[in-house]
PDB file of N, CA and C in Angstrom:
ATOM      1  N   MET A   1     146.893 190.740 169.595  1.00  0.00           N
ATOM      2  CA  MET A   1     145.718 191.090 170.350  1.00  0.00           C
ATOM      3  C   MET A   1     144.474 190.687 169.541  1.00  0.00           C
ATOM      4  N   ASP A   2     143.546 190.000 170.202  1.00  0.00           N
ATOM      5  CA  ASP A   2     142.308 189.589 169.539  1.00  0.00           C
ATOM      6  C   ASP A   2     141.383 190.779 169.365  1.00  0.00           C
ATOM      7  N   LYS A   3     140.684 190.788 168.219  1.00  0.00           N
ATOM      8  CA  LYS A   3     139.683 191.837 167.989  1.00  0.00           C
ATOM      9  C   LYS A   3     138.439 191.519 168.798  1.00  0.00           C
ATOM     10  N   VAL A   4     137.834 192.543 169.344  1.00  0.00           N
ATOM     11  CA  VAL A   4     136.573 192.368 170.082  1.00  0.00           C
ATOM     12  C   VAL A   4     135.450 192.309 169.053  1.00  0.00           C
ATOM     13  N   VAL A   5     134.649 191.272 169.143  1.00  0.00           N
ATOM     14  CA  VAL A   5     133.503 191.141 168.242  1.00  0.00           C
ATOM     15  C   VAL A   5     132.342 191.933 168.854  1.00  0.00           C
ATOM     16  N   LYS A   6     131.864 192.874 168.082  1.00  0.00           N
ATOM     17  CA  LYS A   6     130.760 193.723 168.548  1.00  0.00           C
ATOM     18  C   LYS A   6     129.464 193.229 167.915  1.00  0.00           C
ATOM     19  N   ASN A   7     128.403 193.235 168.712  1.00  0.00           N
ATOM     20  CA  ASN A   7     127.102 192.820 168.202  1.00  0.00           C
ATOM     21  C   ASN A   7     126.583 193.835 167.187  1.00  0.00           C
ATOM     22  N   PRO A   8     125.949 193.339 166.130  1.00  0.00           N
ATOM     23  CA  PRO A   8     125.409 194.250 165.120  1.00  0.00           C
ATOM     24  C   PRO A   8     124.131 194.932 165.580  1.00  0.00           C
ATOM     25  N   THR A   9     123.803 195.998 164.900  1.00  0.00           N
ATOM     26  CA  THR A   9     122.520 196.687 165.072  1.00  0.00           C
ATOM     27  C   THR A   9     121.771 196.585 163.756  1.00  0.00           C
ATOM     28  N   VAL A  10     120.495 196.260 163.837  1.00  0.00           N
ATOM     29  CA  VAL A  10     119.635 196.213 162.662  1.00  0.00           C
ATOM     30  C   VAL A  10     118.632 197.351 162.777  1.00  0.00           C
ATOM     31  N   PHE A  11     118.531 198.149 161.714  1.00  0.00           N
ATOM     32  CA  PHE A  11     117.495 199.167 161.598  1.00  0.00           C
ATOM     33  C   PHE A  11     116.462 198.594 160.635  1.00  0.00           C
ATOM     34  N   CYS A  12     115.234 198.439 161.076  1.00  0.00           N
ATOM     35  CA  CYS A  12     114.227 197.772 160.249  1.00  0.00           C
ATOM     36  C   CYS A  12     112.948 198.582 160.212  1.00  0.00           C
ATOM     37  N   ASP A  13     112.457 198.834 159.015  1.00  0.00           N
ATOM     38  CA  ASP A  13     111.178 199.507 158.808  1.00  0.00           C
ATOM     39  C   ASP A  13     110.054 198.560 159.264  1.00  0.00           C
ATOM     40  N   ILE A  14     108.882 199.111 159.525  1.00  0.00           N
ATOM     41  CA  ILE A  14     107.757 198.299 160.006  1.00  0.00           C
ATOM     42  C   ILE A  14     106.795 197.930 158.872  1.00  0.00           C
ATOM     43  N   ASP A  15     106.174 198.938 158.270  1.00  0.00           N
ATOM     44  CA  ASP A  15     105.094 198.682 157.321  1.00  0.00           C
ATOM     45  C   ASP A  15     105.623 198.306 155.935  1.00  0.00           C
ATOM     46  N   GLY A  16     105.184 197.147 155.457  1.00  0.00           N
ATOM     47  CA  GLY A  16     105.656 196.619 154.177  1.00  0.00           C
ATOM     48  C   GLY A  16     106.905 195.770 154.349  1.00  0.00           C
ATOM     49  N   THR A  17     107.478 195.773 155.571  1.00  0.00           N
ATOM     50  CA  THR A  17     108.699 195.013 155.862  1.00  0.00           C
ATOM     51  C   THR A  17     108.439 193.968 156.942  1.00  0.00           C
ATOM     52  N   ILE A  18     107.891 194.405 158.081  1.00  0.00           N
ATOM     53  CA  ILE A  18     107.508 193.490 159.163  1.00  0.00           C
ATOM     54  C   ILE A  18     106.043 193.120 159.033  1.00  0.00           C
ATOM     55  N   PHE A  19     105.204 194.158 158.885  1.00  0.00           N
ATOM     56  CA  PHE A  19     103.767 193.972 158.702  1.00  0.00           C
ATOM     57  C   PHE A  19     103.407 194.228 157.244  1.00  0.00           C
ATOM     58  N   LYS A  20     102.384 193.535 156.759  1.00  0.00           N
ATOM     59  CA  LYS A  20     101.866 193.831 155.433  1.00  0.00           C
ATOM     60  C   LYS A  20     101.463 195.306 155.409  1.00  0.00           C
ATOM     61  N   TYR A  21     101.790 195.971 154.311  1.00  0.00           N
ATOM     62  CA  TYR A  21     101.575 197.414 154.206  1.00  0.00           C
ATOM     63  C   TYR A  21     100.103 197.768 154.344  1.00  0.00           C
ATOM     64  N   ARG A  22      99.838 198.815 155.139  1.00  0.00           N
ATOM     65  CA  ARG A  22      98.497 199.396 155.293  1.00  0.00           C
ATOM     66  C   ARG A  22      98.647 200.900 155.239  1.00  0.00           C
ATOM     67  N   LYS A  23      97.620 201.585 154.838  1.00  0.00           N
ATOM     68  CA  LYS A  23      97.619 203.047 154.837  1.00  0.00           C
ATOM     69  C   LYS A  23      97.425 203.552 156.264  1.00  0.00           C
ATOM     70  N   PHE A  24      98.024 204.722 156.563  1.00  0.00           N
ATOM     71  CA  PHE A  24      97.943 205.290 157.916  1.00  0.00           C
ATOM     72  C   PHE A  24      96.515 205.307 158.455  1.00  0.00           C
ATOM     73  N   GLU A  25      95.588 205.719 157.618  1.00  0.00           N
ATOM     74  CA  GLU A  25      94.207 205.899 158.089  1.00  0.00           C
ATOM     75  C   GLU A  25      93.527 204.582 158.444  1.00  0.00           C
ATOM     76  N   THR A  26      94.125 203.429 158.129  1.00  0.00           N
ATOM     77  CA  THR A  26      93.504 202.139 158.449  1.00  0.00           C
ATOM     78  C   THR A  26      94.120 201.465 159.682  1.00  0.00           C
ATOM     79  N   TYR A  27      95.161 202.034 160.259  1.00  0.00           N
ATOM     80  CA  TYR A  27      95.851 201.361 161.364  1.00  0.00           C
ATOM     81  C   TYR A  27      94.936 201.049 162.550  1.00  0.00           C
ATOM     82  N   LEU A  28      94.062 201.972 162.879  1.00  0.00           N
ATOM     83  CA  LEU A  28      93.215 201.779 164.050  1.00  0.00           C
ATOM     84  C   LEU A  28      92.059 200.824 163.776  1.00  0.00           C
ATOM     85  N   SER A  29      91.707 200.632 162.517  1.00  0.00           N
ATOM     86  CA  SER A  29      90.542 199.800 162.183  1.00  0.00           C
ATOM     87  C   SER A  29      90.914 198.429 161.612  1.00  0.00           C
ATOM     88  N   THR A  30      92.192 198.157 161.406  1.00  0.00           N
ATOM     89  CA  THR A  30      92.621 196.863 160.878  1.00  0.00           C
ATOM     90  C   THR A  30      93.709 196.273 161.750  1.00  0.00           C
ATOM     91  N   LYS A  31      93.867 194.965 161.665  1.00  0.00           N
ATOM     92  CA  LYS A  31      94.910 194.293 162.437  1.00  0.00           C
ATOM     93  C   LYS A  31      96.134 194.089 161.550  1.00  0.00           C
ATOM     94  N   PRO A  32      97.316 194.135 162.154  1.00  0.00           N
ATOM     95  CA  PRO A  32      98.529 193.911 161.370  1.00  0.00           C
ATOM     96  C   PRO A  32      98.681 192.445 160.984  1.00  0.00           C
ATOM     97  N   GLU A  33      99.303 192.230 159.837  1.00  0.00           N
ATOM     98  CA  GLU A  33      99.609 190.863 159.377  1.00  0.00           C
ATOM     99  C   GLU A  33     101.125 190.738 159.280  1.00  0.00           C
ATOM    100  N   VAL A  34     101.712 189.889 160.118  1.00  0.00           N
ATOM    101  CA  VAL A  34     103.157 189.684 160.110  1.00  0.00           C
ATOM    102  C   VAL A  34     103.532 188.942 158.827  1.00  0.00           C
ATOM    103  N   LEU A  35     104.535 189.450 158.144  1.00  0.00           N
ATOM    104  CA  LEU A  35     104.969 188.873 156.882  1.00  0.00           C
ATOM    105  C   LEU A  35     105.819 187.612 157.100  1.00  0.00           C
ATOM    106  N   PRO A  36     105.907 186.752 156.074  1.00  0.00           N
ATOM    107  CA  PRO A  36     106.607 185.461 156.211  1.00  0.00           C
ATOM    108  C   PRO A  36     108.072 185.601 156.614  1.00  0.00           C
ATOM    109  N   GLY A  37     108.466 184.768 157.587  1.00  0.00           N
ATOM    110  CA  GLY A  37     109.854 184.678 158.014  1.00  0.00           C
ATOM    111  C   GLY A  37     110.319 185.754 158.975  1.00  0.00           C
ATOM    112  N   VAL A  38     109.538 186.818 159.103  1.00  0.00           N
ATOM    113  CA  VAL A  38     109.963 187.982 159.867  1.00  0.00           C
ATOM    114  C   VAL A  38     110.126 187.680 161.357  1.00  0.00           C
ATOM    115  N   LYS A  39     109.079 187.165 161.967  1.00  0.00           N
ATOM    116  CA  LYS A  39     109.114 186.919 163.413  1.00  0.00           C
ATOM    117  C   LYS A  39     110.244 185.962 163.776  1.00  0.00           C
ATOM    118  N   GLU A  40     110.414 184.902 162.999  1.00  0.00           N
ATOM    119  CA  GLU A  40     111.446 183.928 163.271  1.00  0.00           C
ATOM    120  C   GLU A  40     112.837 184.551 163.139  1.00  0.00           C
ATOM    121  N   SER A  41     113.043 185.338 162.082  1.00  0.00           N
ATOM    122  CA  SER A  41     114.333 186.008 161.892  1.00  0.00           C
ATOM    123  C   SER A  41     114.632 186.943 163.053  1.00  0.00           C
ATOM    124  N   MET A  42     113.650 187.744 163.433  1.00  0.00           N
ATOM    125  CA  MET A  42     113.875 188.738 164.477  1.00  0.00           C
ATOM    126  C   MET A  42     114.137 188.099 165.829  1.00  0.00           C
ATOM    127  N   HIS A  43     113.462 187.003 166.141  1.00  0.00           N
ATOM    128  CA  HIS A  43     113.738 186.299 167.400  1.00  0.00           C
ATOM    129  C   HIS A  43     115.124 185.664 167.380  1.00  0.00           C
ATOM    130  N   SER A  44     115.533 185.162 166.233  1.00  0.00           N
ATOM    131  CA  SER A  44     116.883 184.622 166.086  1.00  0.00           C
ATOM    132  C   SER A  44     117.925 185.718 166.302  1.00  0.00           C
ATOM    133  N   TRP A  45     117.666 186.897 165.727  1.00  0.00           N
ATOM    134  CA  TRP A  45     118.594 188.037 165.915  1.00  0.00           C
ATOM    135  C   TRP A  45     118.703 188.363 167.401  1.00  0.00           C
ATOM    136  N   LEU A  46     117.544 188.492 168.052  1.00  0.00           N
ATOM    137  CA  LEU A  46     117.517 188.853 169.461  1.00  0.00           C
ATOM    138  C   LEU A  46     118.335 187.859 170.289  1.00  0.00           C
ATOM    139  N   GLU A  47     118.128 186.581 170.032  1.00  0.00           N
ATOM    140  CA  GLU A  47     118.843 185.532 170.774  1.00  0.00           C
ATOM    141  C   GLU A  47     120.346 185.561 170.539  1.00  0.00           C
ATOM    142  N   SER A  48     120.756 186.061 169.367  1.00  0.00           N
ATOM    143  CA  SER A  48     122.192 186.113 169.069  1.00  0.00           C
ATOM    144  C   SER A  48     122.831 187.455 169.438  1.00  0.00           C
ATOM    145  N   GLY A  49     122.064 188.328 170.101  1.00  0.00           N
ATOM    146  CA  GLY A  49     122.641 189.563 170.600  1.00  0.00           C
ATOM    147  C   GLY A  49     122.508 190.774 169.689  1.00  0.00           C
ATOM    148  N   VAL A  50     121.731 190.666 168.627  1.00  0.00           N
ATOM    149  CA  VAL A  50     121.526 191.795 167.726  1.00  0.00           C
ATOM    150  C   VAL A  50     120.668 192.845 168.433  1.00  0.00           C
ATOM    151  N   TYR A  51     121.054 194.119 168.288  1.00  0.00           N
ATOM    152  CA  TYR A  51     120.262 195.237 168.805  1.00  0.00           C
ATOM    153  C   TYR A  51     119.308 195.642 167.686  1.00  0.00           C
ATOM    154  N   ILE A  52     117.990 195.639 167.960  1.00  0.00           N
ATOM    155  CA  ILE A  52     116.977 195.861 166.930  1.00  0.00           C
ATOM    156  C   ILE A  52     116.338 197.229 167.116  1.00  0.00           C
ATOM    157  N   VAL A  53     116.486 198.065 166.098  1.00  0.00           N
ATOM    158  CA  VAL A  53     115.865 199.391 166.078  1.00  0.00           C
ATOM    159  C   VAL A  53     114.799 199.387 164.980  1.00  0.00           C
ATOM    160  N   LEU A  54     113.557 199.611 165.365  1.00  0.00           N
ATOM    161  CA  LEU A  54     112.483 199.698 164.384  1.00  0.00           C
ATOM    162  C   LEU A  54     112.278 201.152 164.001  1.00  0.00           C
ATOM    163  N   THR A  55     112.080 201.385 162.713  1.00  0.00           N
ATOM    164  CA  THR A  55     111.847 202.726 162.210  1.00  0.00           C
ATOM    165  C   THR A  55     110.542 202.744 161.449  1.00  0.00           C
ATOM    166  N   THR A  56     109.871 203.899 161.467  1.00  0.00           N
ATOM    167  CA  THR A  56     108.599 204.006 160.768  1.00  0.00           C
ATOM    168  C   THR A  56     108.265 205.462 160.484  1.00  0.00           C
ATOM    169  N   ALA A  57     107.541 205.659 159.407  1.00  0.00           N
ATOM    170  CA  ALA A  57     107.020 206.986 159.089  1.00  0.00           C
ATOM    171  C   ALA A  57     105.719 207.241 159.828  1.00  0.00           C
ATOM    172  N   ARG A  58     105.229 206.243 160.547  1.00  0.00           N
ATOM    173  CA  ARG A  58     103.998 206.455 161.339  1.00  0.00           C
ATOM    174  C   ARG A  58     104.208 207.667 162.250  1.00  0.00           C
ATOM    175  N   PRO A  59     103.173 208.483 162.389  1.00  0.00           N
ATOM    176  CA  PRO A  59     103.330 209.666 163.247  1.00  0.00           C
ATOM    177  C   PRO A  59     103.439 209.291 164.733  1.00  0.00           C
ATOM    178  N   GLU A  60     104.069 210.164 165.488  1.00  0.00           N
ATOM    179  CA  GLU A  60     104.245 209.961 166.924  1.00  0.00           C
ATOM    180  C   GLU A  60     102.913 209.714 167.626  1.00  0.00           C
ATOM    181  N   SER A  61     101.828 210.265 167.117  1.00  0.00           N
ATOM    182  CA  SER A  61     100.500 210.067 167.731  1.00  0.00           C
ATOM    183  C   SER A  61     100.066 208.601 167.698  1.00  0.00           C
ATOM    184  N   LEU A  62     100.710 207.761 166.870  1.00  0.00           N
ATOM    185  CA  LEU A  62     100.382 206.337 166.807  1.00  0.00           C
ATOM    186  C   LEU A  62     101.374 205.466 167.580  1.00  0.00           C
ATOM    187  N   ARG A  63     102.219 206.077 168.400  1.00  0.00           N
ATOM    188  CA  ARG A  63     103.237 205.309 169.135  1.00  0.00           C
ATOM    189  C   ARG A  63     102.609 204.221 170.000  1.00  0.00           C
ATOM    190  N   ASP A  64     101.672 204.559 170.876  1.00  0.00           N
ATOM    191  CA  ASP A  64     101.076 203.552 171.764  1.00  0.00           C
ATOM    192  C   ASP A  64     100.411 202.443 170.961  1.00  0.00           C
ATOM    193  N   HIS A  65      99.704 202.806 169.909  1.00  0.00           N
ATOM    194  CA  HIS A  65      99.040 201.810 169.063  1.00  0.00           C
ATOM    195  C   HIS A  65     100.072 200.908 168.378  1.00  0.00           C
ATOM    196  N   THR A  66     101.151 201.493 167.899  1.00  0.00           N
ATOM    197  CA  THR A  66     102.197 200.737 167.229  1.00  0.00           C
ATOM    198  C   THR A  66     102.871 199.766 168.197  1.00  0.00           C
ATOM    199  N   ILE A  67     103.178 200.207 169.395  1.00  0.00           N
ATOM    200  CA  ILE A  67     103.767 199.340 170.418  1.00  0.00           C
ATOM    201  C   ILE A  67     102.820 198.187 170.720  1.00  0.00           C
ATOM    202  N   GLU A  68     101.543 198.466 170.841  1.00  0.00           N
ATOM    203  CA  GLU A  68     100.550 197.427 171.104  1.00  0.00           C
ATOM    204  C   GLU A  68     100.527 196.395 169.957  1.00  0.00           C
ATOM    205  N   GLU A  69     100.556 196.866 168.709  1.00  0.00           N
ATOM    206  CA  GLU A  69     100.569 195.955 167.570  1.00  0.00           C
ATOM    207  C   GLU A  69     101.823 195.080 167.575  1.00  0.00           C
ATOM    208  N   LEU A  70     102.968 195.682 167.839  1.00  0.00           N
ATOM    209  CA  LEU A  70     104.222 194.927 167.865  1.00  0.00           C
ATOM    210  C   LEU A  70     104.201 193.875 168.969  1.00  0.00           C
ATOM    211  N   ASN A  71     103.751 194.265 170.154  1.00  0.00           N
ATOM    212  CA  ASN A  71     103.698 193.341 171.282  1.00  0.00           C
ATOM    213  C   ASN A  71     102.715 192.199 171.027  1.00  0.00           C
ATOM    214  N   MET A  72     101.525 192.501 170.521  1.00  0.00           N
ATOM    215  CA  MET A  72     100.515 191.489 170.241  1.00  0.00           C
ATOM    216  C   MET A  72     100.994 190.525 169.158  1.00  0.00           C
ATOM    217  N   SER A  73     101.824 191.008 168.248  1.00  0.00           N
ATOM    218  CA  SER A  73     102.320 190.183 167.146  1.00  0.00           C
ATOM    219  C   SER A  73     103.602 189.447 167.495  1.00  0.00           C
ATOM    220  N   GLY A  74     104.144 189.690 168.688  1.00  0.00           N
ATOM    221  CA  GLY A  74     105.349 188.993 169.122  1.00  0.00           C
ATOM    222  C   GLY A  74     106.614 189.455 168.412  1.00  0.00           C
ATOM    223  N   ILE A  75     106.663 190.731 168.033  1.00  0.00           N
ATOM    224  CA  ILE A  75     107.825 191.278 167.331  1.00  0.00           C
ATOM    225  C   ILE A  75     108.783 191.867 168.367  1.00  0.00           C
ATOM    226  N   PRO A  76     109.999 191.324 168.480  1.00  0.00           N
ATOM    227  CA  PRO A  76     110.952 191.844 169.470  1.00  0.00           C
ATOM    228  C   PRO A  76     111.695 193.055 168.921  1.00  0.00           C
ATOM    229  N   TYR A  77     112.041 193.975 169.810  1.00  0.00           N
ATOM    230  CA  TYR A  77     112.835 195.140 169.423  1.00  0.00           C
ATOM    231  C   TYR A  77     113.360 195.810 170.677  1.00  0.00           C
ATOM    232  N   HIS A  78     114.364 196.665 170.499  1.00  0.00           N
ATOM    233  CA  HIS A  78     114.935 197.428 171.611  1.00  0.00           C
ATOM    234  C   HIS A  78     114.519 198.888 171.588  1.00  0.00           C
ATOM    235  N   GLN A  79     114.357 199.426 170.384  1.00  0.00           N
ATOM    236  CA  GLN A  79     114.093 200.850 170.245  1.00  0.00           C
ATOM    237  C   GLN A  79     113.149 201.072 169.074  1.00  0.00           C
ATOM    238  N   LEU A  80     112.266 202.071 169.207  1.00  0.00           N
ATOM    239  CA  LEU A  80     111.294 202.400 168.165  1.00  0.00           C
ATOM    240  C   LEU A  80     111.428 203.877 167.812  1.00  0.00           C
ATOM    241  N   ILE A  81     111.740 204.153 166.559  1.00  0.00           N
ATOM    242  CA  ILE A  81     111.869 205.535 166.072  1.00  0.00           C
ATOM    243  C   ILE A  81     110.694 205.835 165.165  1.00  0.00           C
ATOM    244  N   MET A  82     109.889 206.808 165.561  1.00  0.00           N
ATOM    245  CA  MET A  82     108.651 207.164 164.847  1.00  0.00           C
ATOM    246  C   MET A  82     108.853 208.433 164.020  1.00  0.00           C
ATOM    247  N   GLY A  83     108.000 208.607 163.023  1.00  0.00           N
ATOM    248  CA  GLY A  83     107.912 209.865 162.295  1.00  0.00           C
ATOM    249  C   GLY A  83     109.041 210.166 161.344  1.00  0.00           C
ATOM    250  N   ILE A  84     109.771 209.146 160.882  1.00  0.00           N
ATOM    251  CA  ILE A  84     110.835 209.429 159.917  1.00  0.00           C
ATOM    252  C   ILE A  84     110.223 209.642 158.533  1.00  0.00           C
ATOM    253  N   GLY A  85     110.962 210.261 157.645  1.00  0.00           N
ATOM    254  CA  GLY A  85     110.454 210.560 156.311  1.00  0.00           C
ATOM    255  C   GLY A  85     110.106 209.314 155.522  1.00  0.00           C
ATOM    256  N   ARG A  86     109.245 209.490 154.525  1.00  0.00           N
ATOM    257  CA  ARG A  86     108.814 208.381 153.697  1.00  0.00           C
ATOM    258  C   ARG A  86     109.699 208.176 152.462  1.00  0.00           C
ATOM    259  N   GLY A  87     110.617 209.092 152.242  1.00  0.00           N
ATOM    260  CA  GLY A  87     111.500 209.001 151.063  1.00  0.00           C
ATOM    261  C   GLY A  87     112.608 207.989 151.276  1.00  0.00           C
ATOM    262  N   PRO A  88     113.584 207.982 150.374  1.00  0.00           N
ATOM    263  CA  PRO A  88     114.720 207.059 150.498  1.00  0.00           C
ATOM    264  C   PRO A  88     115.434 207.240 151.836  1.00  0.00           C
ATOM    265  N   ARG A  89     116.003 206.153 152.330  1.00  0.00           N
ATOM    266  CA  ARG A  89     116.715 206.177 153.604  1.00  0.00           C
ATOM    267  C   ARG A  89     118.132 205.691 153.387  1.00  0.00           C
ATOM    268  N   TYR A  90     119.072 206.330 154.052  1.00  0.00           N
ATOM    269  CA  TYR A  90     120.483 206.011 153.901  1.00  0.00           C
ATOM    270  C   TYR A  90     121.083 205.737 155.264  1.00  0.00           C
ATOM    271  N   LEU A  91     121.962 204.772 155.347  1.00  0.00           N
ATOM    272  CA  LEU A  91     122.695 204.483 156.565  1.00  0.00           C
ATOM    273  C   LEU A  91     124.149 204.857 156.324  1.00  0.00           C
ATOM    274  N   ILE A  92     124.675 205.721 157.159  1.00  0.00           N
ATOM    275  CA  ILE A  92     126.050 206.184 157.031  1.00  0.00           C
ATOM    276  C   ILE A  92     126.776 205.808 158.313  1.00  0.00           C
ATOM    277  N   ASN A  93     127.908 205.140 158.161  1.00  0.00           N
ATOM    278  CA  ASN A  93     128.636 204.686 159.330  1.00  0.00           C
ATOM    279  C   ASN A  93     130.140 204.679 159.027  1.00  0.00           C
ATOM    280  N   ASP A  94     130.966 204.841 160.051  1.00  0.00           N
ATOM    281  CA  ASP A  94     132.417 204.836 159.869  1.00  0.00           C
ATOM    282  C   ASP A  94     132.959 203.429 160.103  1.00  0.00           C
ATOM    283  N   SER A  95     134.256 203.247 159.770  1.00  0.00           N
ATOM    284  CA  SER A  95     134.953 202.003 160.042  1.00  0.00           C
ATOM    285  C   SER A  95     136.426 202.315 160.237  1.00  0.00           C
ATOM    286  N   GLU A  96     137.039 201.774 161.287  1.00  0.00           N
ATOM    287  CA  GLU A  96     138.464 202.006 161.499  1.00  0.00           C
ATOM    288  C   GLU A  96     139.316 201.187 160.546  1.00  0.00           C
ATOM    289  N   ASP A  97     138.733 200.136 159.961  1.00  0.00           N
ATOM    290  CA  ASP A  97     139.446 199.270 159.019  1.00  0.00           C
ATOM    291  C   ASP A  97     138.718 199.330 157.679  1.00  0.00           C
ATOM    292  N   PRO A  98     139.368 199.851 156.623  1.00  0.00           N
ATOM    293  CA  PRO A  98     138.700 199.989 155.328  1.00  0.00           C
ATOM    294  C   PRO A  98     138.275 198.662 154.702  1.00  0.00           C
ATOM    295  N   ASN A  99     138.781 197.536 155.230  1.00  0.00           N
ATOM    296  CA  ASN A  99     138.410 196.226 154.725  1.00  0.00           C
ATOM    297  C   ASN A  99     137.168 195.659 155.406  1.00  0.00           C
ATOM    298  N   ILE A 100     136.669 196.362 156.405  1.00  0.00           N
ATOM    299  CA  ILE A 100     135.480 195.898 157.136  1.00  0.00           C
ATOM    300  C   ILE A 100     134.316 196.827 156.794  1.00  0.00           C
ATOM    301  N   VAL A 101     133.273 196.253 156.270  1.00  0.00           N
ATOM    302  CA  VAL A 101     132.063 197.006 155.942  1.00  0.00           C
ATOM    303  C   VAL A 101     131.230 197.130 157.205  1.00  0.00           C
ATOM    304  N   ARG A 102     130.916 198.355 157.609  1.00  0.00           N
ATOM    305  CA  ARG A 102     130.160 198.585 158.836  1.00  0.00           C
ATOM    306  C   ARG A 102     128.758 199.096 158.579  1.00  0.00           C
ATOM    307  N   ALA A 103     128.357 199.186 157.309  1.00  0.00           N
ATOM    308  CA  ALA A 103     126.990 199.596 156.975  1.00  0.00           C
ATOM    309  C   ALA A 103     126.577 198.840 155.717  1.00  0.00           C
ATOM    310  N   THR A 104     125.431 198.189 155.789  1.00  0.00           N
ATOM    311  CA  THR A 104     124.924 197.394 154.679  1.00  0.00           C
ATOM    312  C   THR A 104     123.443 197.670 154.519  1.00  0.00           C
ATOM    313  N   ALA A 105     122.974 197.692 153.289  1.00  0.00           N
ATOM    314  CA  ALA A 105     121.544 197.866 153.022  1.00  0.00           C
ATOM    315  C   ALA A 105     120.982 196.551 152.484  1.00  0.00           C
ATOM    316  N   LEU A 106     119.800 196.209 152.918  1.00  0.00           N
ATOM    317  CA  LEU A 106     119.114 195.015 152.445  1.00  0.00           C
ATOM    318  C   LEU A 106     117.732 195.421 151.926  1.00  0.00           C
ATOM    319  N   PRO A 107     117.671 195.965 150.715  1.00  0.00           N
ATOM    320  CA  PRO A 107     116.370 196.411 150.196  1.00  0.00           C
ATOM    321  C   PRO A 107     115.451 195.230 149.919  1.00  0.00           C
ATOM    322  N   LEU A 108     114.187 195.386 150.249  1.00  0.00           N
ATOM    323  CA  LEU A 108     113.190 194.331 150.077  1.00  0.00           C
ATOM    324  C   LEU A 108     112.049 194.800 149.197  1.00  0.00           C
ATOM    325  N   LYS A 109     111.401 193.857 148.565  1.00  0.00           N
ATOM    326  CA  LYS A 109     110.135 194.163 147.892  1.00  0.00           C
ATOM    327  C   LYS A 109     109.063 194.242 148.959  1.00  0.00           C
ATOM    328  N   ARG A 110     108.199 195.227 148.849  1.00  0.00           N
ATOM    329  CA  ARG A 110     107.133 195.424 149.830  1.00  0.00           C
ATOM    330  C   ARG A 110     106.279 194.161 149.980  1.00  0.00           C
ATOM    331  N   ASP A 111     105.970 193.847 151.213  1.00  0.00           N
ATOM    332  CA  ASP A 111     105.043 192.768 151.594  1.00  0.00           C
ATOM    333  C   ASP A 111     105.519 191.357 151.296  1.00  0.00           C
ATOM    334  N   GLU A 112     106.822 191.162 151.042  1.00  0.00           N
ATOM    335  CA  GLU A 112     107.311 189.802 150.781  1.00  0.00           C
ATOM    336  C   GLU A 112     107.910 189.141 152.016  1.00  0.00           C
ATOM    337  N   GLY A 113     108.138 189.911 153.087  1.00  0.00           N
ATOM    338  CA  GLY A 113     108.742 189.346 154.277  1.00  0.00           C
ATOM    339  C   GLY A 113     110.235 189.155 154.081  1.00  0.00           C
ATOM    340  N   PHE A 114     110.874 188.512 155.054  1.00  0.00           N
ATOM    341  CA  PHE A 114     112.300 188.252 154.935  1.00  0.00           C
ATOM    342  C   PHE A 114     112.711 187.112 155.859  1.00  0.00           C
ATOM    343  N   ASN A 115     113.863 186.547 155.559  1.00  0.00           N
ATOM    344  CA  ASN A 115     114.455 185.515 156.379  1.00  0.00           C
ATOM    345  C   ASN A 115     115.965 185.715 156.311  1.00  0.00           C
ATOM    346  N   TYR A 116     116.476 186.591 157.169  1.00  0.00           N
ATOM    347  CA  TYR A 116     117.908 186.920 157.165  1.00  0.00           C
ATOM    348  C   TYR A 116     118.564 186.441 158.444  1.00  0.00           C
ATOM    349  N   ASN A 117     119.711 185.825 158.287  1.00  0.00           N
ATOM    350  CA  ASN A 117     120.576 185.532 159.434  1.00  0.00           C
ATOM    351  C   ASN A 117     121.605 186.642 159.513  1.00  0.00           C
ATOM    352  N   ILE A 118     121.681 187.275 160.644  1.00  0.00           N
ATOM    353  CA  ILE A 118     122.607 188.388 160.833  1.00  0.00           C
ATOM    354  C   ILE A 118     123.784 187.891 161.654  1.00  0.00           C
TER     355      ILE A 118
END
């Protein structure tokens, strides 16, 4: 029996990862700057069936503004999770086969952008 290939899910932070880092108090008065390689990578993911979940510590009160920034910048995504903690983040996931890794972390240096094929 052939294994069913399931599309991956990417959880991606916004500030310092997609956009150049800005302090919360400057979001309404400054424009976001998309970091190198990000938009191209994310559109490639979308086209290949990746489910994109954006995460941010931005407060829920900035949801509409954040959506507007993402849309104006051409950043594709399926889901936006607001108000998560600013501390370390962990992804925990199960796997029916111990030889298959179902959770991976890709730590980045702030404001350097990324170019990942998923």
